[in-house]
Amino acid sequence: MDATDRNIIRQLQLNARQTNNDLADRINLSPSPCLRRVRNLERQGVIEGYTAVVNQEKYGLSINAFVLIRLEKQTEALINDFEAHIQDIDEVLECYVMTGSSDYFLHIVSDSLKSYEKFMKQRLTKVPGIGTIETSFAFGKVKKTSMFPPLSHFEEDFA
């Protein structure tokens, strides 16, 4: 992937609904090569899909819970079983395998504390292999983005 591909990705992260002609103009390429690059990025799995960004509160899911999970034990079967169950829970937007004292970090949404309590009792605690659950709730959102920073932010200056 070169700088032009990264520029295409950045422009699509800003507005994935723009036309190919508009995208080509923004990255200073003609439309045909631009479209070929976009299709190539899709084929390679760099671009995994396109989606609408929805206002969470207006949709009716104002509660963000961040949950740390520790499994009872670290067996391959238990890990696979836990991860398979998490895939089927719609309220879990993100699940990360972690280092440190917790095994997993989950981002869960809910419409109220009451429904989150019901979710915990009826769904999450029924997932096999969970040893401990620690939940924190977000009071508000300071920043949320899906825009990657430019790679230049990670390059060291050796001058």
N, C-alpha and C. Protein backbone atom coordinates (compact mmCIF):
# COMPACT_ATOMS: atom_id res chain seq x y z
N MET A 1 0.84 -1.17 0.00
CA MET A 1 0.00 0.00 0.00
C MET A 1 0.89 1.24 0.00
N ASP A 2 0.61 2.15 -0.90
CA ASP A 2 1.42 3.36 -1.01
C ASP A 2 0.65 4.58 -0.49
N ALA A 3 1.25 5.75 -0.62
CA ALA A 3 0.65 6.99 -0.11
C ALA A 3 -0.68 7.29 -0.80
N THR A 4 -0.79 6.98 -2.08
CA THR A 4 -2.05 7.23 -2.81
C THR A 4 -3.16 6.34 -2.25
N ASP A 5 -2.85 5.08 -1.99
CA ASP A 5 -3.85 4.19 -1.40
C ASP A 5 -4.29 4.71 -0.03
N ARG A 6 -3.34 5.16 0.76
CA ARG A 6 -3.68 5.70 2.08
C ARG A 6 -4.52 6.97 1.96
N ASN A 7 -4.23 7.77 0.97
CA ASN A 7 -5.02 8.98 0.73
C ASN A 7 -6.45 8.60 0.32
N ILE A 8 -6.59 7.59 -0.51
CA ILE A 8 -7.92 7.11 -0.90
C ILE A 8 -8.69 6.68 0.35
N ILE A 9 -8.03 5.90 1.20
CA ILE A 9 -8.69 5.42 2.42
C ILE A 9 -9.11 6.59 3.30
N ARG A 10 -8.23 7.56 3.47
CA ARG A 10 -8.56 8.74 4.28
C ARG A 10 -9.77 9.48 3.72
N GLN A 11 -9.78 9.66 2.42
CA GLN A 11 -10.90 10.37 1.79
C GLN A 11 -12.20 9.57 1.94
N LEU A 12 -12.12 8.25 1.82
CA LEU A 12 -13.32 7.43 2.00
C LEU A 12 -13.77 7.41 3.45
N GLN A 13 -12.83 7.51 4.40
CA GLN A 13 -13.22 7.59 5.80
C GLN A 13 -13.94 8.91 6.08
N LEU A 14 -13.55 9.96 5.37
CA LEU A 14 -14.24 11.24 5.52
C LEU A 14 -15.63 11.20 4.91
N ASN A 15 -15.77 10.53 3.75
CA ASN A 15 -17.05 10.47 3.06
C ASN A 15 -17.05 9.29 2.10
N ALA A 16 -17.60 8.19 2.54
CA ALA A 16 -17.64 6.98 1.70
C ALA A 16 -18.71 7.06 0.63
N ARG A 17 -19.59 8.06 0.70
CA ARG A 17 -20.66 8.18 -0.30
C ARG A 17 -20.27 9.07 -1.48
N GLN A 18 -19.09 9.62 -1.47
CA GLN A 18 -18.69 10.47 -2.59
C GLN A 18 -18.55 9.64 -3.87
N THR A 19 -18.74 10.27 -4.97
CA THR A 19 -18.61 9.57 -6.25
C THR A 19 -17.14 9.28 -6.53
N ASN A 20 -16.92 8.33 -7.40
CA ASN A 20 -15.54 8.02 -7.80
C ASN A 20 -14.88 9.23 -8.44
N ASN A 21 -15.63 10.00 -9.22
CA ASN A 21 -15.07 11.20 -9.86
C ASN A 21 -14.62 12.21 -8.81
N ASP A 22 -15.44 12.41 -7.77
CA ASP A 22 -15.06 13.34 -6.69
C ASP A 22 -13.83 12.83 -5.95
N LEU A 23 -13.80 11.54 -5.68
CA LEU A 23 -12.65 10.94 -5.01
C LEU A 23 -11.40 11.11 -5.86
N ALA A 24 -11.50 10.83 -7.14
CA ALA A 24 -10.36 10.97 -8.04
C ALA A 24 -9.84 12.41 -8.06
N ASP A 25 -10.75 13.37 -8.06
CA ASP A 25 -10.34 14.78 -8.02
C ASP A 25 -9.59 15.10 -6.73
N ARG A 26 -10.08 14.60 -5.62
CA ARG A 26 -9.47 14.90 -4.32
C ARG A 26 -8.07 14.31 -4.18
N ILE A 27 -7.81 13.20 -4.85
CA ILE A 27 -6.49 12.58 -4.71
C ILE A 27 -5.62 12.80 -5.95
N ASN A 28 -6.10 13.64 -6.86
CA ASN A 28 -5.35 13.99 -8.07
C ASN A 28 -5.01 12.78 -8.93
N LEU A 29 -6.03 11.99 -9.22
CA LEU A 29 -5.90 10.83 -10.10
C LEU A 29 -7.07 10.87 -11.07
N SER A 30 -6.93 10.25 -12.22
CA SER A 30 -8.08 10.16 -13.11
C SER A 30 -9.02 9.07 -12.59
N PRO A 31 -10.30 9.12 -12.97
CA PRO A 31 -11.30 8.21 -12.40
C PRO A 31 -11.01 6.71 -12.58
N SER A 32 -10.53 6.28 -13.73
CA SER A 32 -10.31 4.85 -13.95
C SER A 32 -9.25 4.26 -13.02
N PRO A 33 -8.05 4.86 -12.93
CA PRO A 33 -7.07 4.33 -11.99
C PRO A 33 -7.53 4.42 -10.53
N CYS A 34 -8.29 5.46 -10.22
CA CYS A 34 -8.81 5.62 -8.87
C CYS A 34 -9.74 4.45 -8.54
N LEU A 35 -10.66 4.15 -9.44
CA LEU A 35 -11.59 3.05 -9.21
C LEU A 35 -10.86 1.71 -9.11
N ARG A 36 -9.84 1.52 -9.95
CA ARG A 36 -9.06 0.28 -9.88
C ARG A 36 -8.40 0.14 -8.51
N ARG A 37 -7.86 1.24 -8.00
CA ARG A 37 -7.22 1.20 -6.68
C ARG A 37 -8.23 0.89 -5.58
N VAL A 38 -9.41 1.51 -5.64
CA VAL A 38 -10.45 1.26 -4.63
C VAL A 38 -10.85 -0.21 -4.68
N ARG A 39 -11.10 -0.73 -5.86
CA ARG A 39 -11.50 -2.15 -6.01
C ARG A 39 -10.39 -3.08 -5.51
N ASN A 40 -9.14 -2.72 -5.77
CA ASN A 40 -8.02 -3.52 -5.30
C ASN A 40 -7.95 -3.51 -3.77
N LEU A 41 -8.16 -2.35 -3.16
CA LEU A 41 -8.17 -2.25 -1.70
C LEU A 41 -9.31 -3.09 -1.11
N GLU A 42 -10.43 -3.13 -1.80
CA GLU A 42 -11.55 -3.97 -1.35
C GLU A 42 -11.20 -5.46 -1.48
N ARG A 43 -10.64 -5.85 -2.61
CA ARG A 43 -10.26 -7.26 -2.83
C ARG A 43 -9.24 -7.74 -1.82
N GLN A 44 -8.29 -6.87 -1.48
CA GLN A 44 -7.25 -7.22 -0.52
C GLN A 44 -7.76 -7.25 0.93
N GLY A 45 -8.97 -6.75 1.15
CA GLY A 45 -9.52 -6.72 2.50
C GLY A 45 -9.07 -5.52 3.31
N VAL A 46 -8.37 -4.59 2.68
CA VAL A 46 -7.99 -3.36 3.38
C VAL A 46 -9.26 -2.57 3.68
N ILE A 47 -10.12 -2.43 2.69
CA ILE A 47 -11.45 -1.85 2.90
C ILE A 47 -12.39 -3.03 3.11
N GLU A 48 -12.92 -3.14 4.32
CA GLU A 48 -13.74 -4.29 4.68
C GLU A 48 -15.22 -4.08 4.36
N GLY A 49 -15.63 -2.83 4.18
CA GLY A 49 -17.04 -2.56 3.91
C GLY A 49 -17.33 -1.09 4.09
N TYR A 50 -18.59 -0.75 3.91
CA TYR A 50 -19.05 0.62 4.06
C TYR A 50 -20.27 0.60 4.96
N THR A 51 -20.41 1.62 5.79
CA THR A 51 -21.53 1.63 6.73
C THR A 51 -21.97 3.07 7.00
N ALA A 52 -23.17 3.19 7.56
CA ALA A 52 -23.67 4.50 7.98
C ALA A 52 -23.23 4.75 9.42
N VAL A 53 -22.83 5.96 9.72
CA VAL A 53 -22.50 6.34 11.09
C VAL A 53 -23.79 6.88 11.70
N VAL A 54 -24.28 6.22 12.73
CA VAL A 54 -25.58 6.53 13.31
C VAL A 54 -25.39 7.16 14.69
N ASN A 55 -26.18 8.18 14.98
CA ASN A 55 -26.15 8.81 16.30
C ASN A 55 -26.74 7.84 17.31
N GLN A 56 -25.90 7.38 18.21
CA GLN A 56 -26.27 6.34 19.18
C GLN A 56 -27.43 6.76 20.07
N GLU A 57 -27.40 7.99 20.57
CA GLU A 57 -28.48 8.45 21.46
C GLU A 57 -29.79 8.60 20.72
N LYS A 58 -29.75 9.18 19.53
CA LYS A 58 -30.98 9.35 18.75
C LYS A 58 -31.55 8.00 18.33
N TYR A 59 -30.70 6.99 18.20
CA TYR A 59 -31.16 5.64 17.89
C TYR A 59 -31.83 5.00 19.10
N GLY A 60 -31.50 5.52 20.29
CA GLY A 60 -32.13 5.03 21.51
C GLY A 60 -31.24 4.19 22.40
N LEU A 61 -29.93 4.19 22.14
CA LEU A 61 -28.99 3.41 22.95
C LEU A 61 -28.00 4.35 23.64
N SER A 62 -28.45 5.01 24.69
CA SER A 62 -27.64 6.06 25.31
C SER A 62 -26.62 5.55 26.32
N ILE A 63 -26.69 4.28 26.68
CA ILE A 63 -25.78 3.72 27.69
C ILE A 63 -24.61 3.02 27.02
N ASN A 64 -23.39 3.42 27.39
CA ASN A 64 -22.17 2.75 26.97
C ASN A 64 -21.55 2.09 28.19
N ALA A 65 -21.46 0.78 28.15
CA ALA A 65 -20.82 0.04 29.24
C ALA A 65 -19.53 -0.55 28.71
N PHE A 66 -18.49 -0.42 29.50
CA PHE A 66 -17.19 -1.00 29.15
C PHE A 66 -16.90 -2.07 30.19
N VAL A 67 -16.76 -3.30 29.72
CA VAL A 67 -16.75 -4.46 30.60
C VAL A 67 -15.43 -5.21 30.48
N LEU A 68 -14.81 -5.45 31.63
CA LEU A 68 -13.61 -6.28 31.69
C LEU A 68 -14.03 -7.67 32.13
N ILE A 69 -13.61 -8.66 31.37
CA ILE A 69 -13.95 -10.06 31.65
C ILE A 69 -12.67 -10.83 31.94
N ARG A 70 -12.73 -11.63 32.97
CA ARG A 70 -11.64 -12.57 33.27
C ARG A 70 -12.26 -13.96 33.22
N LEU A 71 -11.65 -14.84 32.46
CA LEU A 71 -12.15 -16.21 32.36
C LEU A 71 -11.76 -17.01 33.58
N GLU A 72 -12.50 -18.09 33.85
CA GLU A 72 -12.19 -18.98 34.98
C GLU A 72 -10.82 -19.61 34.81
N LYS A 73 -10.53 -20.04 33.58
CA LYS A 73 -9.23 -20.62 33.25
C LYS A 73 -8.95 -20.43 31.78
N GLN A 74 -7.69 -20.57 31.41
CA GLN A 74 -7.23 -20.26 30.06
C GLN A 74 -7.05 -21.54 29.23
N THR A 75 -8.13 -22.21 28.92
CA THR A 75 -8.02 -23.38 28.05
C THR A 75 -8.50 -23.00 26.66
N GLU A 76 -7.98 -23.68 25.67
CA GLU A 76 -8.36 -23.38 24.29
C GLU A 76 -9.86 -23.57 24.08
N ALA A 77 -10.40 -24.64 24.64
CA ALA A 77 -11.84 -24.92 24.49
C ALA A 77 -12.68 -23.81 25.12
N LEU A 78 -12.30 -23.37 26.32
CA LEU A 78 -13.05 -22.33 27.02
C LEU A 78 -12.95 -21.00 26.27
N ILE A 79 -11.77 -20.67 25.80
CA ILE A 79 -11.58 -19.44 25.03
C ILE A 79 -12.44 -19.45 23.77
N ASN A 80 -12.39 -20.55 23.02
CA ASN A 80 -13.18 -20.67 21.79
C ASN A 80 -14.68 -20.59 22.08
N ASP A 81 -15.12 -21.23 23.16
CA ASP A 81 -16.53 -21.22 23.53
C ASP A 81 -16.97 -19.81 23.90
N PHE A 82 -16.17 -19.12 24.72
CA PHE A 82 -16.49 -17.74 25.11
C PHE A 82 -16.60 -16.84 23.89
N GLU A 83 -15.58 -16.89 23.02
CA GLU A 83 -15.57 -16.02 21.84
C GLU A 83 -16.72 -16.32 20.89
N ALA A 84 -17.10 -17.59 20.76
CA ALA A 84 -18.25 -17.94 19.90
C ALA A 84 -19.54 -17.37 20.47
N HIS A 85 -19.71 -17.44 21.78
CA HIS A 85 -20.91 -16.89 22.40
C HIS A 85 -20.97 -15.37 22.25
N ILE A 86 -19.84 -14.70 22.42
CA ILE A 86 -19.81 -13.23 22.31
C ILE A 86 -20.20 -12.78 20.90
N GLN A 87 -19.81 -13.55 19.89
CA GLN A 87 -20.17 -13.21 18.50
C GLN A 87 -21.68 -13.11 18.31
N ASP A 88 -22.44 -13.86 19.10
CA ASP A 88 -23.89 -13.92 18.93
C ASP A 88 -24.66 -12.92 19.79
N ILE A 89 -23.96 -12.06 20.53
CA ILE A 89 -24.65 -11.10 21.40
C ILE A 89 -24.62 -9.73 20.73
N ASP A 90 -25.79 -9.30 20.26
CA ASP A 90 -25.89 -8.04 19.51
C ASP A 90 -25.48 -6.82 20.30
N GLU A 91 -25.70 -6.82 21.60
CA GLU A 91 -25.38 -5.66 22.43
C GLU A 91 -23.88 -5.41 22.53
N VAL A 92 -23.08 -6.42 22.26
CA VAL A 92 -21.63 -6.28 22.30
C VAL A 92 -21.16 -5.72 20.95
N LEU A 93 -20.75 -4.45 20.95
CA LEU A 93 -20.28 -3.82 19.71
C LEU A 93 -18.84 -4.18 19.41
N GLU A 94 -18.03 -4.30 20.45
CA GLU A 94 -16.61 -4.61 20.27
C GLU A 94 -16.17 -5.54 21.38
N CYS A 95 -15.24 -6.42 21.04
CA CYS A 95 -14.65 -7.31 22.03
C CYS A 95 -13.18 -7.47 21.67
N TYR A 96 -12.32 -7.17 22.62
CA TYR A 96 -10.87 -7.25 22.42
C TYR A 96 -10.26 -8.23 23.40
N VAL A 97 -9.29 -9.01 22.92
CA VAL A 97 -8.47 -9.85 23.79
C VAL A 97 -7.42 -8.93 24.40
N MET A 98 -7.23 -9.05 25.71
CA MET A 98 -6.38 -8.10 26.42
C MET A 98 -5.18 -8.77 27.06
N THR A 99 -4.17 -7.95 27.34
CA THR A 99 -3.08 -8.36 28.21
C THR A 99 -3.40 -7.81 29.59
N GLY A 100 -2.69 -8.26 30.59
CA GLY A 100 -2.90 -7.74 31.94
C GLY A 100 -3.83 -8.61 32.75
N SER A 101 -4.52 -8.01 33.70
CA SER A 101 -5.32 -8.78 34.65
C SER A 101 -6.66 -9.24 34.08
N SER A 102 -7.11 -8.64 32.99
CA SER A 102 -8.37 -9.05 32.35
C SER A 102 -8.07 -9.74 31.03
N ASP A 103 -8.96 -10.64 30.65
CA ASP A 103 -8.78 -11.38 29.40
C ASP A 103 -9.45 -10.69 28.21
N TYR A 104 -10.59 -10.03 28.47
CA TYR A 104 -11.35 -9.41 27.39
C TYR A 104 -11.87 -8.04 27.83
N PHE A 105 -12.01 -7.17 26.85
CA PHE A 105 -12.58 -5.83 27.04
C PHE A 105 -13.75 -5.72 26.07
N LEU A 106 -14.95 -5.48 26.58
CA LEU A 106 -16.15 -5.41 25.76
C LEU A 106 -16.75 -4.01 25.81
N HIS A 107 -17.24 -3.56 24.67
CA HIS A 107 -18.03 -2.33 24.60
C HIS A 107 -19.46 -2.78 24.34
N ILE A 108 -20.33 -2.47 25.30
CA ILE A 108 -21.72 -2.91 25.25
C ILE A 108 -22.61 -1.68 25.28
N VAL A 109 -23.68 -1.69 24.48
CA VAL A 109 -24.65 -0.59 24.47
C VAL A 109 -25.99 -1.08 25.00
N SER A 110 -26.73 -0.13 25.59
CA SER A 110 -28.04 -0.43 26.14
C SER A 110 -28.88 0.84 26.11
N ASP A 111 -30.18 0.66 26.24
CA ASP A 111 -31.05 1.84 26.25
C ASP A 111 -31.28 2.39 27.66
N SER A 112 -30.98 1.59 28.69
CA SER A 112 -31.17 2.06 30.07
C SER A 112 -30.37 1.18 31.02
N LEU A 113 -30.18 1.66 32.23
CA LEU A 113 -29.50 0.86 33.24
C LEU A 113 -30.32 -0.38 33.59
N LYS A 114 -31.63 -0.23 33.60
CA LYS A 114 -32.51 -1.37 33.91
C LYS A 114 -32.35 -2.46 32.86
N SER A 115 -32.32 -2.10 31.60
CA SER A 115 -32.17 -3.13 30.56
C SER A 115 -30.75 -3.69 30.55
N TYR A 116 -29.76 -2.89 30.96
CA TYR A 116 -28.40 -3.42 31.08
C TYR A 116 -28.35 -4.46 32.20
N GLU A 117 -29.02 -4.19 33.31
CA GLU A 117 -29.07 -5.15 34.40
C GLU A 117 -29.71 -6.46 33.92
N LYS A 118 -30.79 -6.35 33.18
CA LYS A 118 -31.47 -7.53 32.63
C LYS A 118 -30.54 -8.28 31.67
N PHE A 119 -29.83 -7.53 30.83
CA PHE A 119 -28.86 -8.13 29.90
C PHE A 119 -27.79 -8.90 30.67
N MET A 120 -27.27 -8.31 31.73
CA MET A 120 -26.24 -8.97 32.53
C MET A 120 -26.76 -10.28 33.12
N LYS A 121 -27.94 -10.22 33.73
CA LYS A 121 -28.49 -11.39 34.41
C LYS A 121 -28.91 -12.49 33.44
N GLN A 122 -29.47 -12.10 32.31
CA GLN A 122 -30.03 -13.10 31.40
C GLN A 122 -29.13 -13.51 30.26
N ARG A 123 -28.14 -12.69 29.92
CA ARG A 123 -27.31 -13.02 28.76
C ARG A 123 -25.84 -13.19 29.10
N LEU A 124 -25.21 -12.13 29.61
CA LEU A 124 -23.76 -12.16 29.76
C LEU A 124 -23.31 -13.17 30.82
N THR A 125 -23.98 -13.21 31.95
CA THR A 125 -23.56 -14.14 32.99
C THR A 125 -23.80 -15.59 32.62
N LYS A 126 -24.56 -15.82 31.56
CA LYS A 126 -24.82 -17.20 31.10
C LYS A 126 -23.75 -17.68 30.12
N VAL A 127 -22.87 -16.80 29.70
CA VAL A 127 -21.78 -17.20 28.80
C VAL A 127 -20.83 -18.09 29.61
N PRO A 128 -20.54 -19.29 29.11
CA PRO A 128 -19.71 -20.21 29.88
C PRO A 128 -18.27 -19.72 30.04
N GLY A 129 -17.71 -20.03 31.22
CA GLY A 129 -16.30 -19.78 31.45
C GLY A 129 -15.94 -18.45 32.07
N ILE A 130 -16.93 -17.57 32.28
CA ILE A 130 -16.61 -16.26 32.86
C ILE A 130 -16.33 -16.41 34.35
N GLY A 131 -15.18 -15.88 34.78
CA GLY A 131 -14.82 -15.88 36.19
C GLY A 131 -15.25 -14.60 36.87
N THR A 132 -14.88 -13.45 36.29
CA THR A 132 -15.26 -12.16 36.86
C THR A 132 -15.70 -11.20 35.76
N ILE A 133 -16.59 -10.30 36.16
CA ILE A 133 -17.09 -9.25 35.27
C ILE A 133 -16.97 -7.93 36.02
N GLU A 134 -16.33 -6.95 35.40
CA GLU A 134 -16.22 -5.61 35.99
C GLU A 134 -16.71 -4.59 34.97
N THR A 135 -17.77 -3.86 35.33
CA THR A 135 -18.40 -2.92 34.40
C THR A 135 -18.14 -1.48 34.82
N SER A 136 -17.82 -0.64 33.84
CA SER A 136 -17.75 0.81 34.03
C SER A 136 -18.68 1.44 33.00
N PHE A 137 -19.36 2.50 33.40
CA PHE A 137 -20.26 3.21 32.49
C PHE A 137 -19.67 4.55 32.11
N ALA A 138 -19.84 4.93 30.86
CA ALA A 138 -19.37 6.23 30.38
C ALA A 138 -20.41 7.29 30.74
N PHE A 139 -19.93 8.40 31.31
CA PHE A 139 -20.81 9.54 31.58
C PHE A 139 -21.09 10.33 30.31
N GLY A 140 -20.10 10.39 29.44
CA GLY A 140 -20.23 11.14 28.21
C GLY A 140 -19.13 10.76 27.25
N LYS A 141 -19.23 11.31 26.07
CA LYS A 141 -18.27 11.01 25.02
C LYS A 141 -17.44 12.24 24.72
N VAL A 142 -16.13 12.12 24.76
CA VAL A 142 -15.22 13.22 24.45
C VAL A 142 -14.80 13.14 22.99
N LYS A 143 -14.50 11.93 22.51
CA LYS A 143 -14.08 11.75 21.13
C LYS A 143 -14.42 10.35 20.66
N LYS A 144 -14.90 10.26 19.45
CA LYS A 144 -15.12 8.97 18.80
C LYS A 144 -14.86 9.19 17.32
N THR A 145 -13.97 8.40 16.76
CA THR A 145 -13.66 8.53 15.35
C THR A 145 -13.32 7.17 14.77
N SER A 146 -13.51 7.03 13.50
CA SER A 146 -13.05 5.83 12.80
C SER A 146 -11.93 6.20 11.83
N MET A 147 -11.50 7.45 11.91
CA MET A 147 -10.45 7.96 11.03
C MET A 147 -9.08 7.61 11.59
N PHE A 148 -8.31 6.85 10.82
CA PHE A 148 -6.95 6.52 11.26
C PHE A 148 -6.05 7.74 11.15
N PRO A 149 -5.09 7.88 12.05
CA PRO A 149 -4.12 8.97 11.91
C PRO A 149 -3.17 8.66 10.76
N PRO A 150 -2.59 9.68 10.17
CA PRO A 150 -1.59 9.44 9.11
C PRO A 150 -0.41 8.66 9.69
N LEU A 151 0.18 7.80 8.88
CA LEU A 151 1.33 7.03 9.34
C LEU A 151 2.50 7.91 9.72
N SER A 152 2.54 9.12 9.19
CA SER A 152 3.63 10.03 9.53
C SER A 152 3.66 10.34 11.03
N HIS A 153 2.53 10.16 11.72
CA HIS A 153 2.48 10.37 13.18
C HIS A 153 3.31 9.32 13.91
N PHE A 154 3.59 8.21 13.26
CA PHE A 154 4.30 7.11 13.91
C PHE A 154 5.76 7.01 13.49
N GLU A 155 6.13 7.79 12.50
CA GLU A 155 7.52 7.76 12.03
C GLU A 155 8.40 8.57 12.94
N GLU A 156 9.55 8.04 13.26
CA GLU A 156 10.50 8.77 14.10
C GLU A 156 11.35 9.68 13.24
N ASP A 157 11.65 10.82 13.77
CA ASP A 157 12.51 11.78 13.08
C ASP A 157 13.95 11.57 13.53
N PHE A 158 14.81 11.10 12.62
CA PHE A 158 16.21 10.83 12.97
C PHE A 158 17.13 11.95 12.50
N ALA A 159 16.57 13.07 12.11
CA ALA A 159 17.40 14.16 11.60
C ALA A 159 18.15 14.84 12.71
